[in-house]
């Protein structure tokens, strides 16, 4: 729904927004002003779509509140919530899907199982990275990608964080999609260290990309 509204506004040169979240509570007045300058019938349909979006977001909030009531927060989930972009729902998803951390030999193994590493094609002295694997845990892949999208959405609020800098650096050369994949991989590998060491997430220091 957001993509459809954004595409409509872009078609008429009204896609710019000064807010990080163009559809968040603080941006509603600006969004209303942008919709009002659209042609009559386009504005009518766009406002209907906006109402549908509000309804769906209300339902999502209701479901999330219900899940928070049902989920028993474990020490493992509390550790996961120290990672950027991970809240109660994603922490519960990741914890339940991972199970015991000792079944993974390394951070790379966990990242691969979570579907955050690309296929590697090596021939002679040449190595090429392909698309992400499909034979992975799709729930974990979704969870880490969602966390990556959250980081991307709010990276301007915390520009000093490692993940925010990672987002800006990779996006400059690779685009948004691959950047989300890079952040998801960082978070997956960080999960291994956080759980293995029973320590909260810490910002990587120096040139290291790993956490804690």
N, C-alpha and C. Protein backbone atom coordinates (compact mmCIF):
# COMPACT_ATOMS: atom_id res chain seq x y z
N UNK A 1 0.83 -1.20 0.00
CA UNK A 1 0.00 0.00 0.00
C UNK A 1 0.87 1.26 0.00
N UNK A 2 1.92 1.23 0.81
CA UNK A 2 2.84 2.37 0.84
C UNK A 2 3.53 2.54 -0.50
N UNK A 3 3.90 1.43 -1.11
CA UNK A 3 4.56 1.50 -2.42
C UNK A 3 3.63 2.11 -3.47
N UNK A 4 2.36 1.74 -3.41
CA UNK A 4 1.39 2.28 -4.38
C UNK A 4 1.20 3.78 -4.17
N UNK A 5 1.09 4.19 -2.93
CA UNK A 5 0.95 5.63 -2.64
C UNK A 5 2.21 6.39 -3.06
N UNK A 6 3.36 5.83 -2.75
CA UNK A 6 4.62 6.48 -3.11
C UNK A 6 4.75 6.61 -4.62
N UNK A 7 4.38 5.55 -5.35
CA UNK A 7 4.46 5.58 -6.82
C UNK A 7 3.52 6.64 -7.39
N UNK A 8 2.33 6.77 -6.80
CA UNK A 8 1.38 7.78 -7.28
C UNK A 8 1.92 9.18 -7.03
N UNK A 9 2.45 9.43 -5.85
CA UNK A 9 3.00 10.74 -5.54
C UNK A 9 4.21 11.05 -6.43
N UNK A 10 5.03 10.04 -6.69
CA UNK A 10 6.19 10.25 -7.55
C UNK A 10 5.77 10.59 -8.98
N UNK A 11 4.69 9.98 -9.43
CA UNK A 11 4.21 10.24 -10.79
C UNK A 11 3.87 11.71 -10.99
N UNK A 12 3.39 12.34 -9.92
CA UNK A 12 3.02 13.76 -10.01
C UNK A 12 4.05 14.66 -9.33
N UNK A 13 5.26 14.14 -9.10
CA UNK A 13 6.33 14.95 -8.55
C UNK A 13 6.13 15.37 -7.12
N UNK A 14 5.45 14.53 -6.31
CA UNK A 14 5.15 14.89 -4.92
C UNK A 14 5.71 13.87 -3.93
N UNK A 15 6.78 13.17 -4.32
CA UNK A 15 7.27 12.08 -3.50
C UNK A 15 8.20 12.54 -2.38
N UNK A 16 8.69 13.75 -2.40
CA UNK A 16 9.66 14.19 -1.39
C UNK A 16 9.02 14.29 -0.02
N UNK A 17 9.78 13.90 1.00
CA UNK A 17 9.32 14.03 2.38
C UNK A 17 10.50 14.38 3.26
N UNK A 18 10.28 15.24 4.23
CA UNK A 18 11.35 15.63 5.15
C UNK A 18 11.46 14.67 6.33
N UNK A 19 10.54 13.71 6.40
CA UNK A 19 10.53 12.77 7.51
C UNK A 19 11.19 11.45 7.13
N UNK A 20 11.84 10.81 8.13
CA UNK A 20 12.45 9.50 7.90
C UNK A 20 11.40 8.49 7.49
N UNK A 21 10.28 8.47 8.20
CA UNK A 21 9.15 7.60 7.87
C UNK A 21 8.06 8.47 7.27
N UNK A 22 7.93 8.42 5.95
CA UNK A 22 6.97 9.28 5.25
C UNK A 22 5.52 8.96 5.58
N UNK A 23 5.28 7.83 6.26
CA UNK A 23 3.91 7.42 6.61
C UNK A 23 3.72 7.32 8.12
N UNK A 24 4.69 7.83 8.87
CA UNK A 24 4.60 7.80 10.32
C UNK A 24 3.67 8.88 10.86
N UNK A 25 3.38 8.84 12.17
CA UNK A 25 2.46 9.81 12.78
C UNK A 25 2.85 11.26 12.56
N UNK A 26 4.15 11.55 12.62
CA UNK A 26 4.60 12.93 12.47
C UNK A 26 4.48 13.44 11.04
N UNK A 27 4.41 12.52 10.10
CA UNK A 27 4.38 12.91 8.69
C UNK A 27 2.96 13.03 8.13
N UNK A 28 1.96 12.78 8.93
CA UNK A 28 0.59 12.74 8.42
C UNK A 28 0.13 14.07 7.83
N UNK A 29 0.46 15.18 8.48
CA UNK A 29 0.05 16.49 7.96
C UNK A 29 0.69 16.76 6.60
N UNK A 30 1.97 16.44 6.50
CA UNK A 30 2.66 16.63 5.22
C UNK A 30 2.07 15.73 4.13
N UNK A 31 1.77 14.47 4.50
CA UNK A 31 1.19 13.54 3.53
C UNK A 31 -0.16 14.04 3.05
N UNK A 32 -0.96 14.56 3.96
CA UNK A 32 -2.27 15.11 3.59
C UNK A 32 -2.09 16.24 2.59
N UNK A 33 -1.14 17.12 2.80
CA UNK A 33 -0.89 18.24 1.89
C UNK A 33 -0.44 17.75 0.52
N UNK A 34 0.36 16.70 0.50
CA UNK A 34 0.83 16.15 -0.77
C UNK A 34 -0.30 15.50 -1.56
N UNK A 35 -1.23 14.86 -0.85
CA UNK A 35 -2.37 14.22 -1.52
C UNK A 35 -3.36 15.25 -2.07
N UNK A 36 -3.50 16.37 -1.39
CA UNK A 36 -4.49 17.37 -1.78
C UNK A 36 -4.21 18.01 -3.13
N UNK A 37 -2.97 18.00 -3.58
CA UNK A 37 -2.64 18.62 -4.86
C UNK A 37 -2.74 17.65 -6.03
N UNK A 38 -3.10 16.40 -5.77
CA UNK A 38 -3.26 15.43 -6.85
C UNK A 38 -4.56 15.70 -7.62
N UNK A 39 -4.66 15.23 -8.85
CA UNK A 39 -5.91 15.35 -9.61
C UNK A 39 -7.06 14.71 -8.82
N UNK A 40 -8.27 15.18 -9.05
CA UNK A 40 -9.43 14.83 -8.23
C UNK A 40 -9.61 13.33 -8.05
N UNK A 41 -9.69 12.59 -9.15
CA UNK A 41 -9.95 11.15 -9.05
C UNK A 41 -8.76 10.39 -8.47
N UNK A 42 -7.56 10.85 -8.80
CA UNK A 42 -6.36 10.23 -8.24
C UNK A 42 -6.32 10.44 -6.73
N UNK A 43 -6.67 11.65 -6.31
CA UNK A 43 -6.70 11.94 -4.87
C UNK A 43 -7.75 11.09 -4.16
N UNK A 44 -8.91 10.92 -4.79
CA UNK A 44 -9.98 10.11 -4.19
C UNK A 44 -9.51 8.68 -3.94
N UNK A 45 -8.91 8.07 -4.94
CA UNK A 45 -8.44 6.68 -4.81
C UNK A 45 -7.28 6.61 -3.80
N UNK A 46 -6.39 7.58 -3.82
CA UNK A 46 -5.25 7.57 -2.92
C UNK A 46 -5.69 7.71 -1.47
N UNK A 47 -6.70 8.53 -1.22
CA UNK A 47 -7.20 8.68 0.15
C UNK A 47 -7.87 7.41 0.64
N UNK A 48 -8.56 6.70 -0.26
CA UNK A 48 -9.13 5.41 0.11
C UNK A 48 -8.01 4.42 0.48
N UNK A 49 -6.96 4.44 -0.30
CA UNK A 49 -5.84 3.55 -0.04
C UNK A 49 -5.18 3.90 1.30
N UNK A 50 -5.10 5.18 1.60
CA UNK A 50 -4.53 5.63 2.88
C UNK A 50 -5.39 5.13 4.05
N UNK A 51 -6.70 5.18 3.89
CA UNK A 51 -7.60 4.66 4.93
C UNK A 51 -7.40 3.16 5.14
N UNK A 52 -7.23 2.43 4.04
CA UNK A 52 -6.98 0.99 4.14
C UNK A 52 -5.66 0.74 4.86
N UNK A 53 -4.66 1.56 4.56
CA UNK A 53 -3.35 1.43 5.20
C UNK A 53 -3.47 1.65 6.70
N UNK A 54 -4.21 2.65 7.10
CA UNK A 54 -4.42 2.91 8.54
C UNK A 54 -5.09 1.71 9.21
N UNK A 55 -6.08 1.13 8.53
CA UNK A 55 -6.80 -0.01 9.10
C UNK A 55 -5.86 -1.20 9.27
N UNK A 56 -5.06 -1.48 8.26
CA UNK A 56 -4.13 -2.61 8.32
C UNK A 56 -3.09 -2.38 9.42
N UNK A 57 -2.58 -1.16 9.53
CA UNK A 57 -1.59 -0.88 10.55
C UNK A 57 -2.17 -1.04 11.96
N UNK A 58 -3.45 -0.67 12.11
CA UNK A 58 -4.13 -0.88 13.40
C UNK A 58 -4.20 -2.35 13.74
N UNK A 59 -4.55 -3.17 12.74
CA UNK A 59 -4.62 -4.62 12.97
C UNK A 59 -3.25 -5.19 13.31
N UNK A 60 -2.21 -4.72 12.64
CA UNK A 60 -0.85 -5.19 12.93
C UNK A 60 -0.49 -4.86 14.37
N UNK A 61 -0.79 -3.64 14.81
CA UNK A 61 -0.50 -3.25 16.19
C UNK A 61 -1.25 -4.13 17.19
N UNK A 62 -2.52 -4.43 16.88
CA UNK A 62 -3.32 -5.28 17.76
C UNK A 62 -2.72 -6.67 17.87
N UNK A 63 -2.30 -7.23 16.74
CA UNK A 63 -1.70 -8.56 16.74
C UNK A 63 -0.38 -8.55 17.51
N UNK A 64 0.44 -7.51 17.30
CA UNK A 64 1.72 -7.43 17.99
C UNK A 64 1.52 -7.32 19.50
N UNK A 65 0.53 -6.54 19.91
CA UNK A 65 0.24 -6.43 21.34
C UNK A 65 -0.19 -7.78 21.91
N UNK A 66 -1.00 -8.51 21.15
CA UNK A 66 -1.45 -9.82 21.58
C UNK A 66 -0.27 -10.79 21.71
N UNK A 67 0.63 -10.74 20.74
CA UNK A 67 1.79 -11.62 20.77
C UNK A 67 2.69 -11.30 21.96
N UNK A 68 2.84 -10.02 22.26
CA UNK A 68 3.67 -9.63 23.40
C UNK A 68 3.10 -10.15 24.71
N UNK A 69 1.77 -10.26 24.78
CA UNK A 69 1.13 -10.80 25.97
C UNK A 69 1.36 -12.31 26.08
N UNK A 70 1.46 -12.98 24.93
CA UNK A 70 1.59 -14.43 24.91
C UNK A 70 3.03 -14.91 25.02
N UNK A 71 3.97 -14.07 24.58
CA UNK A 71 5.37 -14.50 24.53
C UNK A 71 6.01 -14.33 25.91
N UNK A 72 6.66 -15.38 26.35
CA UNK A 72 7.42 -15.33 27.59
C UNK A 72 8.86 -14.95 27.26
N UNK A 73 9.27 -13.78 27.75
CA UNK A 73 10.60 -13.28 27.43
C UNK A 73 11.66 -14.08 28.19
N UNK A 74 12.55 -14.70 27.46
CA UNK A 74 13.64 -15.48 28.04
C UNK A 74 14.92 -14.66 28.07
N UNK A 75 15.92 -15.09 28.83
CA UNK A 75 17.21 -14.38 28.82
C UNK A 75 17.81 -14.29 27.42
N UNK A 76 17.61 -15.33 26.61
CA UNK A 76 18.13 -15.31 25.23
C UNK A 76 17.45 -14.22 24.41
N UNK A 77 16.16 -14.06 24.59
CA UNK A 77 15.44 -13.01 23.86
C UNK A 77 15.89 -11.63 24.32
N UNK A 78 16.16 -11.48 25.61
CA UNK A 78 16.63 -10.20 26.12
C UNK A 78 17.97 -9.83 25.49
N UNK A 79 18.84 -10.82 25.31
CA UNK A 79 20.12 -10.56 24.65
C UNK A 79 19.90 -10.16 23.20
N UNK A 80 18.98 -10.84 22.53
CA UNK A 80 18.70 -10.52 21.13
C UNK A 80 18.18 -9.09 20.97
N UNK A 81 17.42 -8.62 21.95
CA UNK A 81 16.86 -7.28 21.85
C UNK A 81 17.90 -6.18 22.03
N UNK A 82 19.13 -6.54 22.36
CA UNK A 82 20.19 -5.54 22.40
C UNK A 82 20.76 -5.29 21.02
N UNK A 83 20.42 -6.15 20.04
CA UNK A 83 20.89 -5.95 18.67
C UNK A 83 20.05 -4.88 17.98
N UNK A 84 20.65 -4.09 17.10
CA UNK A 84 19.90 -3.05 16.38
C UNK A 84 18.76 -3.65 15.56
N UNK A 85 17.59 -3.03 15.63
CA UNK A 85 16.47 -3.42 14.79
C UNK A 85 15.66 -4.60 15.27
N UNK A 86 16.00 -5.18 16.42
CA UNK A 86 15.32 -6.38 16.90
C UNK A 86 14.51 -6.06 18.15
N UNK A 87 13.18 -6.25 18.06
CA UNK A 87 12.29 -6.06 19.18
C UNK A 87 11.75 -7.39 19.67
N UNK A 88 10.64 -7.34 20.38
CA UNK A 88 10.10 -8.54 21.01
C UNK A 88 9.73 -9.61 19.98
N UNK A 89 9.00 -9.22 18.94
CA UNK A 89 8.50 -10.20 17.97
C UNK A 89 9.65 -10.87 17.22
N UNK A 90 10.60 -10.08 16.74
CA UNK A 90 11.73 -10.66 16.01
C UNK A 90 12.62 -11.48 16.95
N UNK A 91 12.78 -11.02 18.17
CA UNK A 91 13.60 -11.77 19.14
C UNK A 91 12.98 -13.14 19.41
N UNK A 92 11.66 -13.17 19.55
CA UNK A 92 10.97 -14.44 19.79
C UNK A 92 11.12 -15.36 18.58
N UNK A 93 10.95 -14.82 17.39
CA UNK A 93 11.08 -15.61 16.16
C UNK A 93 12.47 -16.23 16.04
N UNK A 94 13.49 -15.39 16.24
CA UNK A 94 14.87 -15.85 16.11
C UNK A 94 15.20 -16.90 17.16
N UNK A 95 14.81 -16.63 18.40
CA UNK A 95 15.12 -17.56 19.49
C UNK A 95 14.47 -18.92 19.28
N UNK A 96 13.20 -18.92 18.87
CA UNK A 96 12.49 -20.18 18.69
C UNK A 96 13.01 -20.97 17.49
N UNK A 97 13.44 -20.26 16.46
CA UNK A 97 13.94 -20.95 15.26
C UNK A 97 15.37 -21.45 15.42
N UNK A 98 16.18 -20.74 16.22
CA UNK A 98 17.57 -21.16 16.40
C UNK A 98 17.70 -22.33 17.36
N UNK A 99 16.91 -22.30 18.41
CA UNK A 99 17.04 -23.37 19.40
C UNK A 99 18.30 -23.20 20.22
N UNK A 100 19.19 -24.19 20.18
CA UNK A 100 20.44 -24.15 20.93
C UNK A 100 21.57 -23.63 20.05
N UNK A 101 22.30 -22.66 20.58
CA UNK A 101 23.35 -22.03 19.78
C UNK A 101 24.53 -22.97 19.54
N UNK A 102 24.72 -23.97 20.42
CA UNK A 102 25.88 -24.84 20.27
C UNK A 102 25.76 -25.80 19.08
N UNK A 103 24.63 -25.79 18.40
CA UNK A 103 24.54 -26.63 17.20
C UNK A 103 25.17 -25.95 15.98
N UNK A 104 25.66 -24.70 16.16
CA UNK A 104 26.33 -23.99 15.08
C UNK A 104 27.81 -23.88 15.42
N UNK A 105 28.65 -24.29 14.49
CA UNK A 105 30.10 -24.31 14.74
C UNK A 105 30.71 -22.92 14.75
N UNK A 106 30.09 -21.99 14.04
CA UNK A 106 30.66 -20.65 13.94
C UNK A 106 29.58 -19.66 13.56
N UNK A 107 29.93 -18.38 13.58
CA UNK A 107 29.01 -17.33 13.16
C UNK A 107 28.64 -17.48 11.69
N UNK A 108 29.61 -17.91 10.89
CA UNK A 108 29.36 -18.09 9.46
C UNK A 108 28.33 -19.20 9.22
N UNK A 109 28.40 -20.26 10.02
CA UNK A 109 27.42 -21.35 9.88
C UNK A 109 26.02 -20.86 10.22
N UNK A 110 25.89 -20.06 11.27
CA UNK A 110 24.58 -19.54 11.63
C UNK A 110 24.05 -18.60 10.55
N UNK A 111 24.93 -17.73 10.04
CA UNK A 111 24.52 -16.80 8.99
C UNK A 111 24.06 -17.54 7.74
N UNK A 112 24.74 -18.65 7.42
CA UNK A 112 24.34 -19.45 6.28
C UNK A 112 23.01 -20.13 6.48
N UNK A 113 22.80 -20.67 7.67
CA UNK A 113 21.54 -21.33 8.00
C UNK A 113 20.38 -20.34 7.94
N UNK A 114 20.66 -19.07 8.31
CA UNK A 114 19.62 -18.03 8.31
C UNK A 114 19.41 -17.42 6.93
N UNK A 115 20.15 -17.88 5.94
CA UNK A 115 19.93 -17.39 4.58
C UNK A 115 20.43 -15.99 4.32
N UNK A 116 21.47 -15.57 5.05
CA UNK A 116 21.98 -14.21 4.88
C UNK A 116 23.30 -14.16 4.12
N UNK A 117 23.78 -15.32 3.64
CA UNK A 117 25.04 -15.35 2.89
C UNK A 117 24.76 -15.76 1.44
N UNK A 118 25.46 -15.17 0.49
CA UNK A 118 25.23 -15.49 -0.92
C UNK A 118 25.91 -16.79 -1.32
N UNK A 119 25.48 -17.32 -2.44
CA UNK A 119 26.16 -18.49 -3.02
C UNK A 119 27.54 -18.05 -3.51
N UNK A 120 28.52 -18.95 -3.39
CA UNK A 120 29.87 -18.65 -3.83
C UNK A 120 30.24 -19.60 -4.97
N UNK A 121 30.64 -19.03 -6.09
CA UNK A 121 31.07 -19.81 -7.25
C UNK A 121 32.55 -19.56 -7.48
N UNK A 122 33.36 -20.58 -7.29
CA UNK A 122 34.81 -20.44 -7.45
C UNK A 122 35.30 -21.30 -8.60
N UNK A 123 36.14 -20.72 -9.44
CA UNK A 123 36.72 -21.44 -10.57
C UNK A 123 38.12 -20.91 -10.79
N UNK A 124 39.10 -21.75 -10.55
CA UNK A 124 40.48 -21.30 -10.69
C UNK A 124 40.79 -20.24 -9.65
N UNK A 125 41.27 -19.09 -10.14
CA UNK A 125 41.60 -17.99 -9.22
C UNK A 125 40.49 -16.94 -9.16
N UNK A 126 39.29 -17.29 -9.67
CA UNK A 126 38.19 -16.34 -9.68
C UNK A 126 37.07 -16.80 -8.74
N UNK A 127 36.54 -15.85 -7.98
CA UNK A 127 35.43 -16.14 -7.07
C UNK A 127 34.30 -15.17 -7.37
N UNK A 128 33.10 -15.72 -7.55
CA UNK A 128 31.93 -14.89 -7.85
C UNK A 128 30.83 -15.19 -6.83
N UNK A 129 30.22 -14.13 -6.33
CA UNK A 129 29.13 -14.28 -5.38
C UNK A 129 27.80 -14.15 -6.09
N UNK A 130 26.94 -15.15 -5.88
CA UNK A 130 25.64 -15.15 -6.54
C UNK A 130 24.53 -14.72 -5.60
N UNK A 131 23.31 -15.17 -5.92
CA UNK A 131 22.15 -14.80 -5.11
C UNK A 131 22.15 -15.56 -3.78
N UNK A 132 21.32 -15.10 -2.85
CA UNK A 132 21.18 -15.79 -1.57
C UNK A 132 20.60 -17.17 -1.79
N UNK A 133 20.96 -18.12 -0.94
CA UNK A 133 20.48 -19.48 -1.05
C UNK A 133 18.99 -19.54 -0.72
N UNK A 134 18.33 -20.55 -1.27
CA UNK A 134 16.90 -20.75 -1.00
C UNK A 134 16.65 -21.88 -0.03
N UNK A 135 17.63 -22.80 0.12
CA UNK A 135 17.47 -23.94 1.01
C UNK A 135 17.92 -23.57 2.42
N UNK A 136 17.22 -22.61 3.02
CA UNK A 136 17.60 -22.07 4.32
C UNK A 136 16.35 -21.97 5.20
N UNK A 137 16.55 -21.53 6.44
CA UNK A 137 15.42 -21.30 7.33
C UNK A 137 14.77 -19.97 6.94
N UNK A 138 13.60 -20.06 6.31
CA UNK A 138 12.96 -18.86 5.77
C UNK A 138 12.48 -17.91 6.86
N UNK A 139 12.13 -18.44 8.03
CA UNK A 139 11.67 -17.58 9.13
C UNK A 139 12.82 -16.72 9.64
N UNK A 140 14.00 -17.32 9.77
CA UNK A 140 15.16 -16.55 10.20
C UNK A 140 15.57 -15.54 9.14
N UNK A 141 15.52 -15.96 7.90
CA UNK A 141 15.86 -15.05 6.81
C UNK A 141 14.95 -13.82 6.83
N UNK A 142 13.66 -14.05 7.04
CA UNK A 142 12.70 -12.95 7.14
C UNK A 142 13.00 -12.07 8.34
N UNK A 143 13.27 -12.69 9.50
CA UNK A 143 13.48 -11.93 10.72
C UNK A 143 14.69 -11.01 10.63
N UNK A 144 15.79 -11.52 10.12
CA UNK A 144 16.99 -10.69 10.02
C UNK A 144 16.83 -9.62 8.94
N UNK A 145 16.10 -9.94 7.87
CA UNK A 145 15.83 -8.92 6.84
C UNK A 145 14.94 -7.82 7.39
N UNK A 146 13.94 -8.20 8.20
CA UNK A 146 13.08 -7.19 8.83
C UNK A 146 13.89 -6.28 9.75
N UNK A 147 14.80 -6.86 10.50
CA UNK A 147 15.67 -6.06 11.36
C UNK A 147 16.53 -5.13 10.52
N UNK A 148 17.01 -5.63 9.39
CA UNK A 148 17.80 -4.79 8.49
C UNK A 148 17.00 -3.63 7.94
N UNK A 149 15.75 -3.88 7.59
CA UNK A 149 14.89 -2.80 7.10
C UNK A 149 14.63 -1.76 8.19
N UNK A 150 14.50 -2.21 9.43
CA UNK A 150 14.31 -1.29 10.54
C UNK A 150 15.55 -0.40 10.71
N UNK A 151 16.71 -1.00 10.59
CA UNK A 151 17.96 -0.23 10.66
C UNK A 151 17.99 0.81 9.55
N UNK A 152 17.62 0.40 8.34
CA UNK A 152 17.63 1.32 7.20
C UNK A 152 16.66 2.48 7.41
N UNK A 153 15.50 2.18 7.96
CA UNK A 153 14.47 3.20 8.15
C UNK A 153 14.91 4.28 9.13
N UNK A 154 15.64 3.87 10.16
CA UNK A 154 15.99 4.81 11.22
C UNK A 154 17.49 5.11 11.30
N UNK A 155 18.23 4.84 10.22
CA UNK A 155 19.68 5.02 10.28
C UNK A 155 20.09 6.47 10.49
N UNK A 156 19.26 7.42 10.08
CA UNK A 156 19.61 8.82 10.25
C UNK A 156 19.47 9.28 11.70
N UNK A 157 18.67 8.57 12.48
CA UNK A 157 18.51 8.94 13.89
C UNK A 157 19.72 8.55 14.72
N UNK A 158 20.39 7.46 14.31
CA UNK A 158 21.57 6.98 15.04
C UNK A 158 22.73 6.84 14.05
N UNK A 159 23.20 7.95 13.49
CA UNK A 159 24.21 7.87 12.43
C UNK A 159 25.55 7.33 12.88
N UNK A 160 25.81 7.37 14.20
CA UNK A 160 27.11 6.92 14.70
C UNK A 160 27.19 5.41 14.84
N UNK A 161 26.05 4.70 14.79
CA UNK A 161 26.07 3.25 14.98
C UNK A 161 26.76 2.55 13.81
N UNK A 162 27.35 1.41 14.11
CA UNK A 162 28.03 0.64 13.08
C UNK A 162 27.07 0.24 11.95
N UNK A 163 25.87 -0.21 12.30
CA UNK A 163 24.93 -0.66 11.28
C UNK A 163 24.46 0.51 10.40
N UNK A 164 24.37 1.71 10.97
CA UNK A 164 23.99 2.88 10.18
C UNK A 164 25.08 3.24 9.19
N UNK A 165 26.33 3.18 9.64
CA UNK A 165 27.46 3.44 8.76
C UNK A 165 27.57 2.36 7.69
N UNK A 166 27.31 1.10 8.08
CA UNK A 166 27.32 0.00 7.12
C UNK A 166 26.26 0.23 6.05
N UNK A 167 25.08 0.66 6.47
CA UNK A 167 24.00 0.91 5.51
C UNK A 167 24.40 1.98 4.51
N UNK A 168 24.93 3.09 4.98
CA UNK A 168 25.30 4.18 4.07
C UNK A 168 26.43 3.77 3.13
N UNK A 169 27.41 3.06 3.66
CA UNK A 169 28.57 2.68 2.86
C UNK A 169 28.21 1.69 1.76
N UNK A 170 27.47 0.64 2.10
CA UNK A 170 27.15 -0.39 1.11
C UNK A 170 26.11 0.11 0.11
N UNK A 171 25.14 0.88 0.58
CA UNK A 171 24.10 1.38 -0.32
C UNK A 171 24.68 2.24 -1.43
N UNK A 172 25.74 2.95 -1.13
CA UNK A 172 26.37 3.84 -2.11
C UNK A 172 26.82 3.08 -3.35
N UNK A 173 27.23 1.83 -3.19
CA UNK A 173 27.75 1.04 -4.31
C UNK A 173 26.85 -0.11 -4.72
N UNK A 174 26.05 -0.64 -3.80
CA UNK A 174 25.30 -1.86 -4.08
C UNK A 174 23.79 -1.65 -4.15
N UNK A 175 23.27 -0.53 -3.70
CA UNK A 175 21.82 -0.33 -3.70
C UNK A 175 21.18 -0.82 -2.41
N UNK A 176 19.90 -0.49 -2.24
CA UNK A 176 19.20 -0.76 -0.99
C UNK A 176 19.07 -2.26 -0.71
N UNK A 177 18.66 -3.05 -1.70
CA UNK A 177 18.39 -4.47 -1.49
C UNK A 177 19.59 -5.23 -0.96
N UNK A 178 20.74 -5.09 -1.60
CA UNK A 178 21.94 -5.80 -1.16
C UNK A 178 22.45 -5.26 0.17
N UNK A 179 22.16 -3.99 0.43
CA UNK A 179 22.57 -3.41 1.71
C UNK A 179 21.81 -4.05 2.86
N UNK A 180 20.51 -4.29 2.66
CA UNK A 180 19.72 -4.97 3.68
C UNK A 180 20.29 -6.36 3.93
N UNK A 181 20.71 -7.03 2.87
CA UNK A 181 21.33 -8.34 3.02
C UNK A 181 22.61 -8.28 3.84
N UNK A 182 23.41 -7.23 3.63
CA UNK A 182 24.66 -7.09 4.38
C UNK A 182 24.39 -6.85 5.86
N UNK A 183 23.38 -6.04 6.15
CA UNK A 183 23.03 -5.78 7.55
C UNK A 183 22.47 -7.05 8.19
N UNK A 184 21.63 -7.76 7.45
CA UNK A 184 21.07 -9.02 7.97
C UNK A 184 22.18 -10.00 8.31
N UNK A 185 23.19 -10.09 7.47
CA UNK A 185 24.31 -11.01 7.75
C UNK A 185 25.06 -10.57 9.00
N UNK A 186 25.30 -9.26 9.13
CA UNK A 186 25.99 -8.76 10.33
C UNK A 186 25.20 -9.12 11.58
N UNK A 187 23.88 -8.94 11.54
CA UNK A 187 23.05 -9.24 12.71
C UNK A 187 23.01 -10.73 13.00
N UNK A 188 23.00 -11.55 11.96
CA UNK A 188 23.01 -13.00 12.16
C UNK A 188 24.32 -13.45 12.81
N UNK A 189 25.43 -12.93 12.32
CA UNK A 189 26.72 -13.29 12.91
C UNK A 189 26.83 -12.74 14.34
N UNK A 190 26.30 -11.54 14.56
CA UNK A 190 26.32 -10.95 15.90
C UNK A 190 25.51 -11.79 16.87
N UNK A 191 24.42 -12.38 16.39
CA UNK A 191 23.61 -13.25 17.23
C UNK A 191 24.43 -14.41 17.78
N UNK A 192 25.28 -14.97 16.94
CA UNK A 192 26.12 -16.09 17.39
C UNK A 192 27.00 -15.67 18.56
N UNK A 193 27.66 -14.51 18.44
CA UNK A 193 28.57 -14.06 19.48
C UNK A 193 27.81 -13.65 20.75
N UNK A 194 26.68 -12.99 20.56
CA UNK A 194 25.87 -12.56 21.71
C UNK A 194 25.42 -13.76 22.52
N UNK A 195 24.92 -14.77 21.85
CA UNK A 195 24.43 -15.97 22.55
C UNK A 195 25.57 -16.82 23.10
N UNK A 196 26.62 -16.98 22.31
CA UNK A 196 27.73 -17.84 22.74
C UNK A 196 28.42 -17.27 23.97
N UNK A 197 28.57 -15.96 24.02
CA UNK A 197 29.28 -15.33 25.12
C UNK A 197 28.36 -14.84 26.23
N UNK A 198 27.05 -14.93 25.97
CA UNK A 198 26.06 -14.48 26.96
C UNK A 198 26.30 -13.02 27.33
N UNK A 199 26.58 -12.23 26.32
CA UNK A 199 26.83 -10.81 26.51
C UNK A 199 25.95 -9.99 25.58
N UNK A 200 25.59 -8.79 26.00
CA UNK A 200 24.80 -7.88 25.16
C UNK A 200 25.63 -7.44 23.96
N UNK A 201 24.94 -7.05 22.91
CA UNK A 201 25.59 -6.58 21.70
C UNK A 201 26.42 -5.34 21.98
N UNK A 202 27.61 -5.30 21.40
CA UNK A 202 28.47 -4.13 21.49
C UNK A 202 28.87 -3.70 20.09
N UNK A 203 29.08 -2.41 19.92
CA UNK A 203 29.50 -1.89 18.63
C UNK A 203 30.88 -2.45 18.26
N UNK A 204 31.04 -2.93 17.02
CA UNK A 204 32.37 -3.40 16.58
C UNK A 204 33.38 -2.26 16.68
N UNK A 205 34.62 -2.59 16.99
CA UNK A 205 35.66 -1.58 17.10
C UNK A 205 36.69 -1.79 16.01
N UNK A 206 37.38 -0.72 15.67
CA UNK A 206 38.41 -0.81 14.65
C UNK A 206 37.82 -1.17 13.30
N UNK A 207 38.47 -2.04 12.57
CA UNK A 207 38.00 -2.43 11.25
C UNK A 207 37.17 -3.69 11.25
N UNK A 208 36.86 -4.21 12.46
CA UNK A 208 36.15 -5.48 12.54
C UNK A 208 34.68 -5.29 12.24
N UNK A 209 34.09 -6.23 11.52
CA UNK A 209 32.69 -6.16 11.20
C UNK A 209 31.86 -7.01 12.15
N UNK A 210 32.54 -7.84 12.97
CA UNK A 210 31.82 -8.71 13.89
C UNK A 210 31.49 -7.93 15.16
N UNK A 211 30.51 -8.45 15.90
CA UNK A 211 30.08 -7.77 17.12
C UNK A 211 30.53 -8.55 18.35
N UNK A 212 30.62 -7.89 19.47
CA UNK A 212 30.96 -8.38 20.79
C UNK A 212 32.24 -9.21 20.80
